[in-house]
Amino acid sequence: MIIRTGEPDDIPALQAIEKKARTVYAALAGFEFVAASPPIAADRIISGTTFVAEVSALLVGFALIQPMDGALYLANISVVPYASKCGVGARLLERVIAHARATQATAVMLATFRAPPWNGPWFRRQGFTTMPENEVGAGLLAVLTRHASFLDMQSRETLWFPIIKARSVVQNSWIPLKNSVPSPS
């Protein structure tokens, strides 16, 4: 498996991957609307950085990130169903975290569903935790506000993977996090 930076020519394939990945929601009561949604818009893909997973010259997954509030917002991570549970998502997430470290982002953050095992539970197994409310910046707040206009926010959670630093609640200054994951040696 090769993980590489996405290119503009990949956009139609990424849209198809995301649409195929969402088909697994069709069998979950209350989540059918996710499977029925249109593919991710090309302008959303262009607005960020993508990392794509390629196996035997076929694209099987991607992660879309956007710089936001000093961190990286994971806007989408999708893997085609036939390649799920093969480590593709984990490899993409490793690349996103490595990119966050390289760019000195404070964290990788995302908003996801709590329930399906491939959403919140999967990210928690990868080391993500609930993002403290005092760490939610203006950019992420705008995303969550947009989500609230069409999603039941009780079914959602905001998670993060701290990389470098976090804001001190007491002093409103930046301090190293004790539970930050060290860079691999």
N, C-alpha and C. Protein backbone atom coordinates (compact mmCIF):
# COMPACT_ATOMS: atom_id res chain seq x y z
N MET A 1 0.85 -1.18 0.00
CA MET A 1 0.00 0.00 0.00
C MET A 1 0.89 1.23 0.00
N ILE A 2 0.54 2.17 -0.84
CA ILE A 2 1.24 3.45 -0.93
C ILE A 2 0.31 4.52 -0.40
N ILE A 3 0.82 5.38 0.48
CA ILE A 3 0.09 6.56 0.92
C ILE A 3 0.81 7.74 0.30
N ARG A 4 0.11 8.52 -0.48
CA ARG A 4 0.72 9.67 -1.15
C ARG A 4 -0.20 10.87 -1.05
N THR A 5 0.34 12.03 -1.37
CA THR A 5 -0.46 13.25 -1.42
C THR A 5 -1.38 13.18 -2.63
N GLY A 6 -2.63 13.57 -2.44
CA GLY A 6 -3.58 13.57 -3.54
C GLY A 6 -3.26 14.63 -4.57
N GLU A 7 -3.76 14.41 -5.77
CA GLU A 7 -3.57 15.33 -6.90
C GLU A 7 -4.94 15.72 -7.45
N PRO A 8 -5.02 16.86 -8.15
CA PRO A 8 -6.32 17.27 -8.70
C PRO A 8 -6.99 16.20 -9.57
N ASP A 9 -6.19 15.43 -10.30
CA ASP A 9 -6.77 14.38 -11.15
C ASP A 9 -7.43 13.27 -10.34
N ASP A 10 -7.14 13.20 -9.03
CA ASP A 10 -7.73 12.17 -8.17
C ASP A 10 -9.16 12.50 -7.74
N ILE A 11 -9.59 13.73 -7.91
CA ILE A 11 -10.87 14.17 -7.33
C ILE A 11 -12.05 13.27 -7.70
N PRO A 12 -12.27 12.92 -8.96
CA PRO A 12 -13.41 12.03 -9.26
C PRO A 12 -13.32 10.69 -8.53
N ALA A 13 -12.12 10.13 -8.42
CA ALA A 13 -11.95 8.86 -7.71
C ALA A 13 -12.23 9.03 -6.21
N LEU A 14 -11.81 10.16 -5.64
CA LEU A 14 -12.04 10.41 -4.22
C LEU A 14 -13.54 10.56 -3.95
N GLN A 15 -14.24 11.22 -4.84
CA GLN A 15 -15.69 11.35 -4.69
C GLN A 15 -16.35 9.98 -4.75
N ALA A 16 -15.89 9.12 -5.64
CA ALA A 16 -16.45 7.77 -5.75
C ALA A 16 -16.13 6.94 -4.51
N ILE A 17 -14.92 7.08 -3.97
CA ILE A 17 -14.53 6.36 -2.75
C ILE A 17 -15.44 6.77 -1.60
N GLU A 18 -15.62 8.07 -1.43
CA GLU A 18 -16.43 8.57 -0.32
C GLU A 18 -17.87 8.08 -0.44
N LYS A 19 -18.42 8.10 -1.65
CA LYS A 19 -19.78 7.63 -1.87
C LYS A 19 -19.90 6.13 -1.56
N LYS A 20 -18.93 5.34 -2.01
CA LYS A 20 -18.94 3.89 -1.74
C LYS A 20 -18.78 3.63 -0.24
N ALA A 21 -17.91 4.39 0.42
CA ALA A 21 -17.68 4.20 1.85
C ALA A 21 -18.96 4.44 2.65
N ARG A 22 -19.77 5.39 2.22
CA ARG A 22 -21.00 5.72 2.95
C ARG A 22 -22.12 4.70 2.76
N THR A 23 -21.96 3.76 1.83
CA THR A 23 -23.02 2.76 1.63
C THR A 23 -23.23 1.90 2.87
N VAL A 24 -22.23 1.78 3.73
CA VAL A 24 -22.37 0.95 4.94
C VAL A 24 -23.39 1.54 5.92
N TYR A 25 -23.69 2.83 5.79
CA TYR A 25 -24.68 3.46 6.66
C TYR A 25 -26.12 3.05 6.31
N ALA A 26 -26.34 2.57 5.10
CA ALA A 26 -27.70 2.26 4.65
C ALA A 26 -28.39 1.22 5.54
N ALA A 27 -27.62 0.33 6.14
CA ALA A 27 -28.20 -0.74 6.96
C ALA A 27 -28.43 -0.31 8.41
N LEU A 28 -28.02 0.91 8.77
CA LEU A 28 -28.17 1.39 10.15
C LEU A 28 -29.39 2.28 10.29
N ALA A 29 -30.29 1.89 11.16
CA ALA A 29 -31.50 2.69 11.39
C ALA A 29 -31.11 4.10 11.83
N GLY A 30 -31.69 5.07 11.17
CA GLY A 30 -31.43 6.46 11.49
C GLY A 30 -30.24 7.06 10.75
N PHE A 31 -29.49 6.25 10.03
CA PHE A 31 -28.32 6.75 9.31
C PHE A 31 -28.46 6.63 7.79
N GLU A 32 -29.64 6.23 7.33
CA GLU A 32 -29.85 6.02 5.89
C GLU A 32 -29.55 7.29 5.10
N PHE A 33 -29.81 8.46 5.70
CA PHE A 33 -29.58 9.73 5.01
C PHE A 33 -28.10 9.92 4.66
N VAL A 34 -27.20 9.33 5.44
CA VAL A 34 -25.78 9.46 5.16
C VAL A 34 -25.45 8.75 3.86
N ALA A 35 -25.97 7.54 3.70
CA ALA A 35 -25.73 6.77 2.47
C ALA A 35 -26.35 7.44 1.25
N ALA A 36 -27.46 8.15 1.46
CA ALA A 36 -28.16 8.77 0.34
C ALA A 36 -27.61 10.14 -0.03
N SER A 37 -26.70 10.67 0.74
CA SER A 37 -26.15 12.01 0.47
C SER A 37 -25.30 12.01 -0.79
N PRO A 38 -25.22 13.17 -1.46
CA PRO A 38 -24.36 13.25 -2.66
C PRO A 38 -22.89 13.15 -2.27
N PRO A 39 -22.03 12.85 -3.24
CA PRO A 39 -20.60 12.75 -2.94
C PRO A 39 -20.04 14.11 -2.48
N ILE A 40 -18.92 14.04 -1.82
CA ILE A 40 -18.23 15.25 -1.36
C ILE A 40 -17.94 16.16 -2.55
N ALA A 41 -18.16 17.43 -2.37
CA ALA A 41 -17.97 18.40 -3.45
C ALA A 41 -16.49 18.58 -3.77
N ALA A 42 -16.20 18.76 -5.04
CA ALA A 42 -14.82 18.94 -5.48
C ALA A 42 -14.17 20.15 -4.81
N ASP A 43 -14.93 21.23 -4.61
CA ASP A 43 -14.33 22.41 -3.98
C ASP A 43 -13.92 22.15 -2.54
N ARG A 44 -14.62 21.25 -1.84
CA ARG A 44 -14.21 20.88 -0.48
C ARG A 44 -12.89 20.11 -0.52
N ILE A 45 -12.73 19.26 -1.50
CA ILE A 45 -11.48 18.50 -1.63
C ILE A 45 -10.33 19.45 -1.96
N ILE A 46 -10.57 20.35 -2.88
CA ILE A 46 -9.55 21.31 -3.30
C ILE A 46 -9.15 22.24 -2.15
N SER A 47 -10.07 22.50 -1.22
CA SER A 47 -9.81 23.46 -0.14
C SER A 47 -8.85 22.93 0.91
N GLY A 48 -8.49 21.65 0.84
CA GLY A 48 -7.60 21.08 1.85
C GLY A 48 -6.47 20.30 1.23
N THR A 49 -5.86 19.48 2.05
CA THR A 49 -4.80 18.56 1.62
C THR A 49 -5.36 17.16 1.72
N THR A 50 -5.12 16.37 0.69
CA THR A 50 -5.58 14.98 0.74
C THR A 50 -4.38 14.04 0.72
N PHE A 51 -4.54 12.97 1.46
CA PHE A 51 -3.62 11.84 1.39
C PHE A 51 -4.44 10.68 0.88
N VAL A 52 -3.91 9.96 -0.10
CA VAL A 52 -4.65 8.86 -0.70
C VAL A 52 -3.92 7.55 -0.48
N ALA A 53 -4.70 6.48 -0.32
CA ALA A 53 -4.16 5.13 -0.19
C ALA A 53 -4.34 4.43 -1.54
N GLU A 54 -3.25 3.89 -2.03
CA GLU A 54 -3.25 3.25 -3.33
C GLU A 54 -2.76 1.81 -3.17
N VAL A 55 -3.52 0.87 -3.70
CA VAL A 55 -3.14 -0.54 -3.68
C VAL A 55 -3.23 -1.05 -5.12
N SER A 56 -2.13 -1.58 -5.61
CA SER A 56 -2.09 -2.11 -6.99
C SER A 56 -2.63 -1.09 -7.99
N ALA A 57 -2.19 0.15 -7.85
CA ALA A 57 -2.56 1.26 -8.74
C ALA A 57 -4.02 1.69 -8.62
N LEU A 58 -4.76 1.16 -7.63
CA LEU A 58 -6.15 1.56 -7.40
C LEU A 58 -6.23 2.39 -6.12
N LEU A 59 -6.97 3.49 -6.18
CA LEU A 59 -7.21 4.28 -4.97
C LEU A 59 -8.29 3.59 -4.15
N VAL A 60 -8.00 3.36 -2.88
CA VAL A 60 -8.95 2.65 -2.01
C VAL A 60 -9.37 3.47 -0.80
N GLY A 61 -8.74 4.62 -0.58
CA GLY A 61 -9.11 5.44 0.56
C GLY A 61 -8.43 6.79 0.49
N PHE A 62 -8.92 7.72 1.31
CA PHE A 62 -8.29 9.03 1.39
C PHE A 62 -8.64 9.70 2.71
N ALA A 63 -7.81 10.66 3.06
CA ALA A 63 -8.07 11.53 4.20
C ALA A 63 -7.96 12.96 3.70
N LEU A 64 -8.90 13.80 4.11
CA LEU A 64 -8.92 15.21 3.74
C LEU A 64 -8.73 16.03 5.00
N ILE A 65 -7.71 16.86 5.02
CA ILE A 65 -7.44 17.70 6.18
C ILE A 65 -7.41 19.17 5.78
N GLN A 66 -7.72 20.01 6.76
CA GLN A 66 -7.70 21.46 6.55
C GLN A 66 -7.09 22.11 7.78
N PRO A 67 -6.16 23.06 7.60
CA PRO A 67 -5.64 23.78 8.76
C PRO A 67 -6.77 24.60 9.38
N MET A 68 -6.85 24.56 10.71
CA MET A 68 -7.93 25.26 11.39
C MET A 68 -7.54 25.50 12.85
N ASP A 69 -7.62 26.72 13.28
CA ASP A 69 -7.42 27.07 14.69
C ASP A 69 -6.07 26.59 15.22
N GLY A 70 -5.04 26.58 14.39
CA GLY A 70 -3.72 26.13 14.81
C GLY A 70 -3.56 24.62 14.80
N ALA A 71 -4.61 23.91 14.45
CA ALA A 71 -4.61 22.45 14.40
C ALA A 71 -4.92 22.00 12.97
N LEU A 72 -5.10 20.71 12.79
CA LEU A 72 -5.58 20.17 11.51
C LEU A 72 -6.95 19.57 11.75
N TYR A 73 -7.90 19.97 10.93
CA TYR A 73 -9.25 19.43 10.99
C TYR A 73 -9.34 18.29 9.99
N LEU A 74 -9.67 17.09 10.48
CA LEU A 74 -9.87 15.94 9.61
C LEU A 74 -11.30 16.02 9.09
N ALA A 75 -11.45 16.55 7.89
CA ALA A 75 -12.77 16.78 7.32
C ALA A 75 -13.40 15.50 6.80
N ASN A 76 -12.57 14.54 6.40
CA ASN A 76 -13.10 13.29 5.86
C ASN A 76 -12.01 12.24 5.85
N ILE A 77 -12.37 11.04 6.19
CA ILE A 77 -11.52 9.87 5.98
C ILE A 77 -12.45 8.77 5.50
N SER A 78 -12.17 8.26 4.33
CA SER A 78 -13.05 7.27 3.70
C SER A 78 -12.22 6.14 3.10
N VAL A 79 -12.77 4.93 3.23
CA VAL A 79 -12.14 3.74 2.66
C VAL A 79 -13.24 2.93 1.98
N VAL A 80 -12.98 2.44 0.78
CA VAL A 80 -14.00 1.62 0.10
C VAL A 80 -14.28 0.38 0.95
N PRO A 81 -15.53 -0.07 0.97
CA PRO A 81 -15.90 -1.20 1.84
C PRO A 81 -15.04 -2.45 1.67
N TYR A 82 -14.68 -2.80 0.44
CA TYR A 82 -13.91 -4.03 0.25
C TYR A 82 -12.49 -3.94 0.83
N ALA A 83 -12.01 -2.74 1.12
CA ALA A 83 -10.67 -2.57 1.70
C ALA A 83 -10.73 -2.19 3.18
N SER A 84 -11.95 -2.12 3.74
CA SER A 84 -12.04 -1.77 5.16
C SER A 84 -11.55 -2.94 6.01
N LYS A 85 -11.16 -2.64 7.22
CA LYS A 85 -10.62 -3.63 8.16
C LYS A 85 -9.32 -4.26 7.67
N CYS A 86 -8.63 -3.53 6.79
CA CYS A 86 -7.32 -3.99 6.29
C CYS A 86 -6.20 -3.03 6.68
N GLY A 87 -6.51 -2.06 7.54
CA GLY A 87 -5.49 -1.12 7.99
C GLY A 87 -5.33 0.12 7.13
N VAL A 88 -6.17 0.28 6.12
CA VAL A 88 -6.06 1.44 5.24
C VAL A 88 -6.33 2.73 6.01
N GLY A 89 -7.42 2.76 6.77
CA GLY A 89 -7.76 3.95 7.54
C GLY A 89 -6.69 4.30 8.55
N ALA A 90 -6.14 3.28 9.22
CA ALA A 90 -5.09 3.52 10.21
C ALA A 90 -3.84 4.10 9.55
N ARG A 91 -3.48 3.60 8.38
CA ARG A 91 -2.30 4.14 7.67
C ARG A 91 -2.55 5.58 7.23
N LEU A 92 -3.75 5.87 6.76
CA LEU A 92 -4.06 7.25 6.40
C LEU A 92 -3.99 8.17 7.62
N LEU A 93 -4.54 7.71 8.72
CA LEU A 93 -4.53 8.50 9.94
C LEU A 93 -3.10 8.71 10.44
N GLU A 94 -2.25 7.70 10.33
CA GLU A 94 -0.83 7.86 10.69
C GLU A 94 -0.19 8.98 9.86
N ARG A 95 -0.51 9.01 8.58
CA ARG A 95 0.05 10.05 7.69
C ARG A 95 -0.46 11.43 8.10
N VAL A 96 -1.74 11.53 8.45
CA VAL A 96 -2.31 12.80 8.90
C VAL A 96 -1.59 13.27 10.17
N ILE A 97 -1.38 12.37 11.11
CA ILE A 97 -0.72 12.74 12.37
C ILE A 97 0.74 13.13 12.11
N ALA A 98 1.41 12.42 11.23
CA ALA A 98 2.79 12.78 10.87
C ALA A 98 2.83 14.17 10.24
N HIS A 99 1.85 14.46 9.40
CA HIS A 99 1.76 15.78 8.76
C HIS A 99 1.51 16.86 9.82
N ALA A 100 0.67 16.56 10.79
CA ALA A 100 0.40 17.51 11.87
C ALA A 100 1.69 17.81 12.63
N ARG A 101 2.45 16.79 12.92
CA ARG A 101 3.73 17.00 13.61
C ARG A 101 4.68 17.84 12.77
N ALA A 102 4.77 17.50 11.48
CA ALA A 102 5.70 18.20 10.59
C ALA A 102 5.33 19.67 10.42
N THR A 103 4.06 19.98 10.49
CA THR A 103 3.62 21.37 10.32
C THR A 103 3.42 22.08 11.65
N GLN A 104 3.78 21.41 12.74
CA GLN A 104 3.67 21.94 14.10
C GLN A 104 2.24 22.32 14.46
N ALA A 105 1.29 21.56 13.95
CA ALA A 105 -0.11 21.74 14.35
C ALA A 105 -0.25 21.28 15.80
N THR A 106 -1.17 21.89 16.52
CA THR A 106 -1.34 21.54 17.93
C THR A 106 -2.08 20.23 18.12
N ALA A 107 -2.89 19.84 17.14
CA ALA A 107 -3.71 18.63 17.28
C ALA A 107 -4.30 18.26 15.93
N VAL A 108 -4.85 17.06 15.88
CA VAL A 108 -5.75 16.67 14.79
C VAL A 108 -7.12 16.60 15.45
N MET A 109 -8.10 17.25 14.86
CA MET A 109 -9.45 17.28 15.46
C MET A 109 -10.48 16.92 14.41
N LEU A 110 -11.63 16.45 14.88
CA LEU A 110 -12.69 16.06 13.96
C LEU A 110 -14.03 16.03 14.69
N ALA A 111 -15.08 16.05 13.91
CA ALA A 111 -16.44 15.85 14.41
C ALA A 111 -16.95 14.58 13.73
N THR A 112 -17.53 13.67 14.52
CA THR A 112 -17.95 12.38 13.98
C THR A 112 -19.18 11.88 14.72
N PHE A 113 -19.78 10.84 14.18
CA PHE A 113 -20.89 10.20 14.87
C PHE A 113 -20.35 9.39 16.05
N ARG A 114 -21.13 9.34 17.12
CA ARG A 114 -20.75 8.58 18.31
C ARG A 114 -20.88 7.06 18.11
N ALA A 115 -21.94 6.64 17.41
CA ALA A 115 -22.38 5.25 17.46
C ALA A 115 -21.70 4.27 16.49
N PRO A 116 -21.75 4.45 15.19
CA PRO A 116 -21.22 3.36 14.36
C PRO A 116 -19.78 3.03 14.75
N PRO A 117 -19.43 1.75 14.75
CA PRO A 117 -18.10 1.35 15.21
C PRO A 117 -16.95 1.94 14.38
N TRP A 118 -17.22 2.33 13.14
CA TRP A 118 -16.17 2.89 12.30
C TRP A 118 -16.07 4.41 12.46
N ASN A 119 -16.83 4.99 13.35
CA ASN A 119 -16.76 6.43 13.63
C ASN A 119 -16.09 6.65 14.99
N GLY A 120 -16.79 7.27 15.92
CA GLY A 120 -16.20 7.60 17.21
C GLY A 120 -15.43 6.47 17.87
N PRO A 121 -16.01 5.26 17.97
CA PRO A 121 -15.27 4.15 18.61
C PRO A 121 -13.93 3.84 17.92
N TRP A 122 -13.91 3.91 16.59
CA TRP A 122 -12.67 3.63 15.87
C TRP A 122 -11.62 4.70 16.18
N PHE A 123 -12.02 5.97 16.15
CA PHE A 123 -11.06 7.04 16.45
C PHE A 123 -10.54 6.93 17.88
N ARG A 124 -11.39 6.54 18.81
CA ARG A 124 -10.94 6.35 20.20
C ARG A 124 -9.88 5.24 20.28
N ARG A 125 -10.07 4.19 19.52
CA ARG A 125 -9.07 3.12 19.50
C ARG A 125 -7.75 3.60 18.91
N GLN A 126 -7.79 4.64 18.11
CA GLN A 126 -6.58 5.21 17.51
C GLN A 126 -5.93 6.26 18.41
N GLY A 127 -6.50 6.49 19.59
CA GLY A 127 -5.90 7.43 20.55
C GLY A 127 -6.59 8.77 20.66
N PHE A 128 -7.68 8.98 19.95
CA PHE A 128 -8.42 10.24 20.04
C PHE A 128 -9.24 10.27 21.33
N THR A 129 -9.44 11.47 21.86
CA THR A 129 -10.24 11.66 23.06
C THR A 129 -11.19 12.83 22.83
N THR A 130 -12.15 12.98 23.74
CA THR A 130 -13.08 14.09 23.64
C THR A 130 -12.33 15.41 23.72
N MET A 131 -12.63 16.30 22.81
CA MET A 131 -11.96 17.59 22.80
C MET A 131 -12.57 18.49 23.86
N PRO A 132 -11.75 19.06 24.75
CA PRO A 132 -12.30 19.97 25.76
C PRO A 132 -12.95 21.18 25.10
N GLU A 133 -14.09 21.59 25.61
CA GLU A 133 -14.82 22.72 25.02
C GLU A 133 -13.97 23.97 24.93
N ASN A 134 -13.10 24.20 25.92
CA ASN A 134 -12.28 25.42 25.91
C ASN A 134 -11.22 25.40 24.82
N GLU A 135 -11.02 24.26 24.15
CA GLU A 135 -10.05 24.16 23.05
C GLU A 135 -10.70 24.37 21.68
N VAL A 136 -12.02 24.42 21.62
CA VAL A 136 -12.73 24.60 20.35
C VAL A 136 -12.57 26.06 19.92
N GLY A 137 -11.89 26.26 18.79
CA GLY A 137 -11.66 27.60 18.27
C GLY A 137 -12.78 28.04 17.33
N ALA A 138 -12.63 29.24 16.80
CA ALA A 138 -13.66 29.84 15.95
C ALA A 138 -13.92 29.01 14.68
N GLY A 139 -12.87 28.47 14.08
CA GLY A 139 -13.04 27.68 12.86
C GLY A 139 -13.84 26.42 13.10
N LEU A 140 -13.48 25.68 14.15
CA LEU A 140 -14.20 24.45 14.46
C LEU A 140 -15.62 24.75 14.92
N LEU A 141 -15.79 25.83 15.66
CA LEU A 141 -17.13 26.23 16.09
C LEU A 141 -18.02 26.49 14.87
N ALA A 142 -17.48 27.10 13.84
CA ALA A 142 -18.24 27.34 12.60
C ALA A 142 -18.64 26.02 11.94
N VAL A 143 -17.72 25.05 11.94
CA VAL A 143 -18.03 23.72 11.38
C VAL A 143 -19.17 23.07 12.17
N LEU A 144 -19.05 23.10 13.49
CA LEU A 144 -20.08 22.48 14.34
C LEU A 144 -21.43 23.18 14.19
N THR A 145 -21.41 24.48 14.03
CA THR A 145 -22.65 25.24 13.81
C THR A 145 -23.29 24.83 12.49
N ARG A 146 -22.46 24.66 11.46
CA ARG A 146 -22.98 24.20 10.16
C ARG A 146 -23.55 22.80 10.29
N HIS A 147 -22.86 21.92 11.00
CA HIS A 147 -23.36 20.55 11.22
C HIS A 147 -24.71 20.57 11.94
N ALA A 148 -24.84 21.46 12.91
CA ALA A 148 -26.09 21.53 13.70
C ALA A 148 -27.28 21.92 12.84
N SER A 149 -27.04 22.50 11.68
CA SER A 149 -28.15 22.90 10.81
C SER A 149 -28.77 21.71 10.08
N PHE A 150 -28.07 20.56 10.04
CA PHE A 150 -28.65 19.41 9.34
C PHE A 150 -28.41 18.07 10.04
N LEU A 151 -27.72 18.07 11.18
CA LEU A 151 -27.48 16.84 11.93
C LEU A 151 -27.97 16.96 13.36
N ASP A 152 -28.34 15.84 13.95
CA ASP A 152 -28.69 15.79 15.36
C ASP A 152 -27.38 15.79 16.14
N MET A 153 -27.05 16.88 16.79
CA MET A 153 -25.76 17.00 17.46
C MET A 153 -25.64 16.06 18.67
N GLN A 154 -26.75 15.51 19.16
CA GLN A 154 -26.67 14.51 20.23
C GLN A 154 -26.02 13.22 19.72
N SER A 155 -26.05 13.02 18.41
CA SER A 155 -25.45 11.82 17.83
C SER A 155 -23.99 12.05 17.44
N ARG A 156 -23.49 13.24 17.70
CA ARG A 156 -22.14 13.63 17.26
C ARG A 156 -21.21 13.82 18.44
N GLU A 157 -19.92 13.76 18.17
CA GLU A 157 -18.92 14.10 19.18
C GLU A 157 -17.74 14.76 18.48
N THR A 158 -17.04 15.59 19.24
CA THR A 158 -15.86 16.27 18.74
C THR A 158 -14.66 15.66 19.45
N LEU A 159 -13.76 15.11 18.65
CA LEU A 159 -12.59 14.40 19.18
C LEU A 159 -11.31 15.09 18.73
N TRP A 160 -10.25 14.83 19.47
CA TRP A 160 -8.96 15.36 19.07
C TRP A 160 -7.84 14.43 19.47
N PHE A 161 -6.71 14.63 18.81
CA PHE A 161 -5.47 13.92 19.09
C PHE A 161 -4.42 15.01 19.29
N PRO A 162 -4.15 15.39 20.55
CA PRO A 162 -3.18 16.47 20.80
C PRO A 162 -1.79 16.09 20.30
N ILE A 163 -1.13 17.05 19.68
CA ILE A 163 0.21 16.81 19.13
C ILE A 163 1.28 17.56 19.92
N ILE A 164 1.16 18.87 20.00
CA ILE A 164 2.24 19.67 20.58
C ILE A 164 1.86 20.33 21.89
N LYS A 165 0.87 21.18 21.84
CA LYS A 165 0.54 22.00 23.00
C LYS A 165 -0.97 22.16 23.10
N ALA A 166 -1.42 22.61 24.23
CA ALA A 166 -2.82 22.96 24.42
C ALA A 166 -2.90 24.24 25.24
N ARG A 167 -3.97 24.95 25.11
CA ARG A 167 -4.16 26.19 25.83
C ARG A 167 -4.40 25.92 27.31
N SER A 168 -3.75 26.65 28.15
CA SER A 168 -3.98 26.54 29.58
C SER A 168 -5.27 27.26 29.93
N VAL A 169 -6.18 26.56 30.57
CA VAL A 169 -7.46 27.16 30.95
C VAL A 169 -7.24 28.29 31.94
N VAL A 170 -6.31 28.10 32.85
CA VAL A 170 -6.10 29.07 33.92
C VAL A 170 -5.43 30.33 33.39
N GLN A 171 -4.36 30.17 32.61
CA GLN A 171 -3.57 31.33 32.19
C GLN A 171 -3.85 31.76 30.76
N ASN A 172 -4.61 30.98 30.00
CA ASN A 172 -4.86 31.24 28.59
C ASN A 172 -3.54 31.40 27.84
N SER A 173 -2.55 30.61 28.22
CA SER A 173 -1.27 30.59 27.53
C SER A 173 -1.05 29.16 27.02
N TRP A 174 -0.01 28.98 26.24
CA TRP A 174 0.24 27.66 25.66
C TRP A 174 1.22 26.90 26.53
N ILE A 175 0.88 25.66 26.86
CA ILE A 175 1.74 24.81 27.68
C ILE A 175 1.81 23.42 27.05
N PRO A 176 2.90 22.69 27.27
CA PRO A 176 2.95 21.31 26.74
C PRO A 176 1.90 20.44 27.42
N LEU A 177 1.31 19.56 26.65
CA LEU A 177 0.35 18.61 27.21
C LEU A 177 1.11 17.42 27.78
N LYS A 178 0.72 16.96 28.93
CA LYS A 178 1.38 15.79 29.54
C LYS A 178 1.04 14.52 28.77
N ASN A 179 -0.14 14.45 28.17
CA ASN A 179 -0.53 13.21 27.49
C ASN A 179 -0.28 13.26 25.98
N SER A 180 0.49 14.24 25.51
CA SER A 180 0.82 14.29 24.09
C SER A 180 1.60 13.05 23.72
N VAL A 181 1.33 12.55 22.56
CA VAL A 181 2.04 11.37 22.08
C VAL A 181 3.36 11.84 21.49
N PRO A 182 4.49 11.27 21.96
CA PRO A 182 5.78 11.72 21.45
C PRO A 182 5.96 11.31 19.99
N SER A 183 6.80 12.06 19.29
CA SER A 183 7.12 11.71 17.92
C SER A 183 7.87 10.38 17.91
N PRO A 184 7.64 9.56 16.87
CA PRO A 184 8.39 8.30 16.82
C PRO A 184 9.87 8.57 16.63
N SER A 185 10.73 7.76 17.26
CA SER A 185 12.17 7.98 17.11
C SER A 185 12.73 7.20 15.96
